[in-house]
Protein backbone atom coordinates (compact mmCIF):
# COMPACT_ATOMS: atom_id res chain seq x y z
CA UNK A 1 123.40 158.99 102.54
CA UNK A 2 124.90 159.92 99.43
CA UNK A 3 126.07 157.11 97.13
CA UNK A 4 129.83 156.48 98.15
CA UNK A 5 132.31 159.40 97.01
CA UNK A 6 133.98 156.88 94.05
CA UNK A 7 130.51 156.02 92.32
CA UNK A 8 129.68 159.79 92.57
CA UNK A 9 133.20 161.02 90.91
CA UNK A 10 133.05 157.86 88.03
CA UNK A 11 129.53 159.00 87.32
CA UNK A 12 131.06 163.28 87.27
CA UNK A 13 134.36 161.94 84.27
CA UNK A 14 131.43 160.01 82.74
CA UNK A 15 129.57 162.74 82.67
CA UNK A 16 132.25 164.90 81.16
CA UNK A 17 133.12 162.22 78.44
CA UNK A 18 129.36 162.34 77.40
CA UNK A 19 129.68 166.43 77.21
CA UNK A 20 132.23 165.94 74.66
CA UNK A 21 129.22 165.12 72.41
CA UNK A 22 127.21 168.28 73.41
CA UNK A 23 130.50 170.58 72.82
CA UNK A 24 130.75 169.14 69.25
CA UNK A 25 127.32 169.26 68.15
CA UNK A 26 126.28 173.07 70.25
CA UNK A 27 130.24 174.09 68.67
CA UNK A 28 129.55 172.66 65.64
CA UNK A 29 125.51 174.71 65.42
CA UNK A 30 127.33 178.31 66.49
CA UNK A 31 130.25 177.57 64.46
CA UNK A 32 128.04 176.95 61.00
CA UNK A 33 125.61 180.15 62.56
CA UNK A 34 128.22 182.39 62.88
CA UNK A 35 130.09 181.16 59.69
CA UNK A 36 133.02 180.69 62.35
CA UNK A 37 136.36 180.83 60.08
CA UNK A 38 138.87 180.53 62.84
CA UNK A 39 138.55 178.49 65.42
CA UNK A 40 139.20 182.06 68.12
CA UNK A 41 136.80 183.77 66.11
CA UNK A 42 134.12 184.36 68.95
CA UNK A 43 135.55 182.73 71.18
CA UNK A 44 134.12 184.12 74.62
CA UNK A 45 130.69 184.53 72.59
CA UNK A 46 131.05 180.38 71.83
CA UNK A 47 132.17 180.20 75.48
CA UNK A 48 128.65 181.67 76.67
CA UNK A 49 126.35 180.02 74.45
CA UNK A 50 128.12 176.84 75.89
CA UNK A 51 127.90 177.80 79.04
CA UNK A 52 124.05 178.32 78.58
CA UNK A 53 123.67 175.02 76.71
CA UNK A 54 125.27 173.24 79.01
CA UNK A 55 122.91 175.60 82.06
CA UNK A 56 119.83 173.49 79.49
CA UNK A 57 121.24 170.64 79.14
CA UNK A 58 121.59 169.86 82.91
CA UNK A 59 118.80 171.54 84.16
CA UNK A 60 115.97 169.75 82.06
CA UNK A 61 118.03 166.26 83.06
CA UNK A 62 118.12 166.90 86.40
CA UNK A 63 115.02 168.22 86.59
CA UNK A 64 113.81 164.68 85.45
CA UNK A 65 115.97 162.79 88.23
CA UNK A 66 119.34 162.48 86.22
CA UNK A 67 121.46 162.72 83.71
CA UNK A 68 122.51 158.93 81.21
CA UNK A 69 125.71 159.28 83.64
CA UNK A 70 123.86 159.55 86.70
CA UNK A 71 121.32 156.73 85.61
CA UNK A 72 124.70 154.08 84.33
CA UNK A 73 125.82 154.60 87.86
CA UNK A 74 122.43 154.53 90.03
CA UNK A 75 122.12 157.93 91.53
CA UNK A 76 119.37 160.43 91.26
CA UNK A 77 119.11 164.17 92.47
CA UNK A 78 116.31 165.24 94.84
CA UNK A 79 115.46 167.98 96.77
CA UNK A 80 116.02 167.75 100.73
CA UNK A 81 112.87 165.88 101.40
CA UNK A 82 113.33 163.34 98.02
CA UNK A 83 110.83 164.86 95.66
CA UNK A 84 112.00 165.45 91.90
CA UNK A 85 113.48 168.88 91.63
CA UNK A 86 112.01 172.16 89.71
CA UNK A 87 113.89 173.75 86.98
CA UNK A 88 114.21 176.52 89.01
CA UNK A 89 116.41 174.50 92.11
CA UNK A 90 118.45 172.44 88.93
CA UNK A 91 119.59 175.56 87.26
CA UNK A 92 120.52 176.71 91.00
CA UNK A 93 122.12 173.55 91.28
CA UNK A 94 123.93 173.87 87.75
CA UNK A 95 125.30 177.56 88.92
CA UNK A 96 126.33 176.16 91.95
CA UNK A 97 128.14 173.44 90.85
CA UNK A 98 130.67 176.26 88.75
CA UNK A 99 132.48 176.07 92.27
CA UNK A 100 134.02 172.78 91.02
CA UNK A 101 136.06 174.98 88.45
CA UNK A 102 135.51 179.26 89.15
CA UNK A 103 138.60 178.93 92.35
CA UNK A 104 141.28 177.76 89.56
CA UNK A 105 140.07 179.36 86.49
CA UNK A 106 139.68 183.06 89.46
CA UNK A 107 143.81 182.37 89.34
CA UNK A 108 144.46 182.01 85.78
CA UNK A 109 144.18 185.72 84.64
CA UNK A 110 145.97 187.73 87.19
CA UNK A 111 149.07 185.09 87.74
CA UNK A 112 149.09 184.62 84.15
CA UNK A 113 149.53 180.71 84.40
CA UNK A 114 150.85 177.84 81.50
CA UNK A 115 148.12 175.09 80.67
CA UNK A 116 149.71 173.17 82.64
CA UNK A 117 149.94 174.46 85.79
CA UNK A 118 145.84 175.65 85.72
CA UNK A 119 145.38 171.77 84.70
CA UNK A 120 147.41 171.06 87.86
CA UNK A 121 145.57 173.38 89.65
CA UNK A 122 142.33 172.54 88.54
CA UNK A 123 142.84 168.44 88.93
CA UNK A 124 143.93 169.70 93.23
CA UNK A 125 141.11 171.97 93.68
CA UNK A 126 138.44 169.05 92.66
CA UNK A 127 140.19 166.28 94.88
CA UNK A 128 139.31 169.40 97.41
CA UNK A 129 136.20 170.49 96.41
CA UNK A 130 135.36 166.35 96.32
CA UNK A 131 136.91 165.42 99.26
CA UNK A 132 135.04 168.14 101.31
CA UNK A 133 132.15 166.27 101.08
CA UNK A 134 133.30 163.97 103.58
CA UNK A 135 132.41 166.78 105.82
CA UNK A 136 129.06 167.07 105.05
CA UNK A 137 126.42 165.86 107.71
CA UNK A 138 124.91 163.53 104.90
CA UNK A 139 129.01 163.19 102.95
CA UNK A 140 126.64 165.62 100.03
CA UNK A 141 128.65 167.99 98.01
CA UNK A 142 128.80 171.34 98.90
CA UNK A 143 127.12 173.02 96.24
CA UNK A 144 124.42 169.98 96.50
CA UNK A 145 123.92 171.51 100.18
CA UNK A 146 123.76 175.07 98.83
CA UNK A 147 121.03 174.27 96.58
CA UNK A 148 118.48 172.39 98.49
CA UNK A 149 118.91 169.09 96.22
CA UNK A 150 120.98 165.97 97.30
CA UNK A 151 122.12 162.83 95.32
CA UNK A 152 120.81 159.64 95.93
CA UNK A 153 121.41 155.53 95.34
CA UNK A 154 118.22 154.26 93.24
CA UNK A 155 117.87 150.96 92.04
CA UNK A 156 116.07 150.79 88.06
CA UNK A 157 112.85 148.96 88.49
CA UNK A 158 113.32 146.10 85.89
CA UNK A 159 110.18 144.86 84.22
CA UNK A 160 108.77 141.68 85.56
CA UNK A 161 110.12 138.47 82.80
CA UNK A 162 107.82 136.32 80.95
CA UNK A 163 107.32 133.02 80.53
């Protein structure tokens, strides 16, 4: 059984806050290497670069069991058999995790939505996608089911006290 939805979403929110640091460092590296003079220069190249950086970040940590946020919330990602996932499966999970964002983002261009409308649409979709995990037999997120992974609760081993 998956950790409670509330804890998984708290972990998701914490992960988002930690990603600000990853975005800052990657953005600084990109802007330095490309000698950007304006924030909108090479915007699409920067977005593609960040997509790759996020993929490396998540697949590397997931293949080792968890990210910092997941470790904080005692959540581990494993395969269907409870074993650590491979880099390939972690990359598949990363690609499928974009189901959290792509459906509402696909509506931006055709309907010329404002930033506020995009925010409402995005928050609504995230809430719907999270609640849909209730319909999975093991309460897992659907991108995990598609990737052949599961989120499980784990307790870190504590070193024995000396004394």
